[in-house]
Amino acid sequence: MVLSLLIGVGLALGVSLFATAVGFDRERAFYPTVLIVVASYYGLFAVMGDTAAVLAREGVAIVTFGLLATFGFKRNLWIVAAGLCGHGLFDLGHARLIANSGVPAWWPAFCLAYDVAAGAYLAWRLRGSKIVAVPLP
């Protein structure tokens, strides 16, 4: 589990630093897209290892985080930072909420670490005014 956490944090920081270095995160859509992608993996796991009913339950969570990403993109990127951290909390309790046999044992810890690190990095970028939180008129 510790290795999953370390790899999740390392990968999130690596991706985020790369996005900053090449300018990907200057676009408002970058972190909302990351939130949508990380939320969608549970759907993939449901397709790989479970039933349509499990996919439907995962779909509710995917749509919820997708709407949060969209709302944050349109209104304020702080919502997206909170959404990423919130998805990390979702990872922490996922197995209690949705029984999905397709989820690898290491995934919840990895995704928790990735999500929280990515959300914290976005918050750091927003706090330092490196990224504009609200859309320009």
Protein backbone atom coordinates (compact mmCIF):
# COMPACT_ATOMS: atom_id res chain seq x y z
CA MET A 1 0.00 0.00 0.00
CA VAL A 2 2.83 2.40 0.83
CA LEU A 3 4.32 1.84 -2.61
CA SER A 4 0.96 2.58 -4.24
CA LEU A 5 0.75 5.85 -2.30
CA LEU A 6 4.31 6.86 -3.22
CA ILE A 7 3.82 6.05 -6.89
CA GLY A 8 0.51 7.93 -6.95
CA VAL A 9 2.03 11.07 -5.45
CA GLY A 10 5.12 10.82 -7.65
CA LEU A 11 3.13 10.33 -10.84
CA ALA A 12 0.72 13.17 -10.03
CA LEU A 13 3.55 15.57 -9.30
CA GLY A 14 5.43 14.41 -12.38
CA VAL A 15 2.42 14.91 -14.65
CA SER A 16 1.56 18.25 -13.04
CA LEU A 17 5.11 19.58 -13.24
CA PHE A 18 5.35 18.46 -16.86
CA ALA A 19 2.01 20.16 -17.61
CA THR A 20 3.33 23.36 -16.07
CA ALA A 21 6.68 23.15 -17.87
CA VAL A 22 5.14 22.75 -21.33
CA GLY A 23 2.17 25.03 -20.66
CA PHE A 24 -0.68 22.50 -20.69
CA ASP A 25 -2.04 23.78 -17.39
CA ARG A 26 -2.31 27.34 -18.69
CA GLU A 27 -5.47 26.11 -20.36
CA ARG A 28 -8.48 26.04 -18.04
CA ALA A 29 -9.55 22.66 -19.36
CA PHE A 30 -6.47 20.72 -18.21
CA TYR A 31 -7.36 19.92 -14.59
CA PRO A 32 -11.10 19.49 -15.23
CA THR A 33 -10.12 16.92 -17.88
CA VAL A 34 -7.85 15.18 -15.37
CA LEU A 35 -10.78 14.98 -12.93
CA ILE A 36 -13.05 13.45 -15.58
CA VAL A 37 -10.40 10.92 -16.59
CA VAL A 38 -9.58 9.75 -13.05
CA ALA A 39 -13.29 9.36 -12.31
CA SER A 40 -13.83 7.27 -15.44
CA TYR A 41 -11.37 4.51 -14.50
CA TYR A 42 -13.87 2.85 -12.17
CA GLY A 43 -16.16 2.45 -15.18
CA LEU A 44 -13.35 0.72 -17.05
CA PHE A 45 -12.82 -1.61 -14.10
CA ALA A 46 -16.55 -2.38 -14.01
CA VAL A 47 -16.48 -3.34 -17.69
CA MET A 48 -13.41 -5.50 -17.14
CA GLY A 49 -14.60 -7.40 -14.12
CA ASP A 50 -18.23 -6.97 -13.27
CA THR A 51 -21.81 -6.52 -14.40
CA ALA A 52 -23.85 -3.83 -16.08
CA ALA A 53 -25.44 -3.06 -12.71
CA VAL A 54 -22.02 -2.25 -11.23
CA LEU A 55 -21.22 -0.14 -14.29
CA ALA A 56 -24.46 1.78 -13.75
CA ARG A 57 -23.54 2.50 -10.12
CA GLU A 58 -20.06 3.58 -11.18
CA GLY A 59 -21.71 5.71 -13.86
CA VAL A 60 -23.49 7.76 -11.20
CA ALA A 61 -20.13 8.63 -9.62
CA ILE A 62 -18.53 9.31 -13.02
CA VAL A 63 -21.34 11.68 -13.99
CA THR A 64 -21.18 13.39 -10.58
CA PHE A 65 -17.46 14.09 -10.88
CA GLY A 66 -17.88 15.02 -14.55
CA LEU A 67 -20.49 17.61 -13.61
CA LEU A 68 -18.24 18.91 -10.84
CA ALA A 69 -15.38 19.24 -13.36
CA THR A 70 -17.66 21.04 -15.82
CA PHE A 71 -19.06 23.39 -13.19
CA GLY A 72 -15.55 24.14 -11.92
CA PHE A 73 -14.32 24.79 -15.45
CA LYS A 74 -17.17 27.20 -16.10
CA ARG A 75 -17.15 28.96 -12.70
CA ASN A 76 -14.00 28.55 -10.63
CA LEU A 77 -11.04 26.15 -10.76
CA TRP A 78 -11.02 25.94 -6.95
CA ILE A 79 -14.04 23.67 -7.40
CA VAL A 80 -11.91 21.39 -9.56
CA ALA A 81 -9.13 21.32 -6.94
CA ALA A 82 -11.73 20.36 -4.33
CA GLY A 83 -13.20 17.81 -6.74
CA LEU A 84 -9.83 16.13 -7.22
CA CYS A 85 -9.31 15.91 -3.45
CA GLY A 86 -12.93 14.78 -3.08
CA HIS A 87 -12.33 11.98 -5.57
CA GLY A 88 -9.42 10.93 -3.40
CA LEU A 89 -11.81 10.60 -0.47
CA PHE A 90 -14.17 8.68 -2.75
CA ASP A 91 -11.28 6.28 -3.50
CA LEU A 92 -10.79 5.79 0.23
CA GLY A 93 -14.37 4.59 0.71
CA HIS A 94 -15.08 3.22 -2.76
CA ALA A 95 -15.13 -0.46 -1.80
CA ARG A 96 -17.73 0.24 0.90
CA LEU A 97 -19.91 2.17 -1.55
CA ILE A 98 -19.63 0.06 -4.70
CA ALA A 99 -18.46 -3.55 -4.87
CA ASN A 100 -16.51 -3.67 -8.13
CA SER A 101 -14.45 -6.84 -8.58
CA GLY A 102 -12.56 -5.31 -11.50
CA VAL A 103 -10.74 -2.78 -9.30
CA PRO A 104 -7.13 -3.90 -8.68
CA ALA A 105 -6.25 -4.19 -4.99
CA TRP A 106 -3.62 -1.45 -5.25
CA TRP A 107 -5.82 1.02 -7.17
CA PRO A 108 -7.70 2.82 -4.34
CA ALA A 109 -4.46 3.79 -2.54
CA PHE A 110 -2.76 4.80 -5.79
CA CYS A 111 -5.73 6.85 -6.99
CA LEU A 112 -6.21 8.45 -3.57
CA ALA A 113 -2.61 9.62 -3.60
CA TYR A 114 -2.75 10.76 -7.23
CA ASP A 115 -5.99 12.69 -6.79
CA VAL A 116 -5.00 14.47 -3.59
CA ALA A 117 -1.54 15.34 -4.92
CA ALA A 118 -2.98 16.67 -8.20
CA GLY A 119 -5.65 18.64 -6.31
CA ALA A 120 -3.05 20.07 -3.94
CA TYR A 121 -0.79 21.03 -6.85
CA LEU A 122 -3.67 22.79 -8.59
CA ALA A 123 -4.52 24.61 -5.34
CA TRP A 124 -0.88 25.68 -5.01
CA ARG A 125 -0.91 26.98 -8.59
CA LEU A 126 -4.20 28.82 -7.99
CA ARG A 127 -3.03 30.30 -4.70
CA GLY A 128 0.13 31.61 -6.32
CA SER A 129 -1.97 33.19 -9.12
CA LYS A 130 -0.15 31.07 -11.67
CA ILE A 131 -3.51 30.00 -13.06
CA VAL A 132 -6.60 32.21 -13.15
CA ALA A 133 -9.31 30.59 -11.02
CA VAL A 134 -12.28 32.22 -12.68
CA PRO A 135 -12.94 32.51 -16.42
CA LEU A 136 -12.15 35.77 -18.10
CA PRO A 137 -15.18 37.73 -19.31
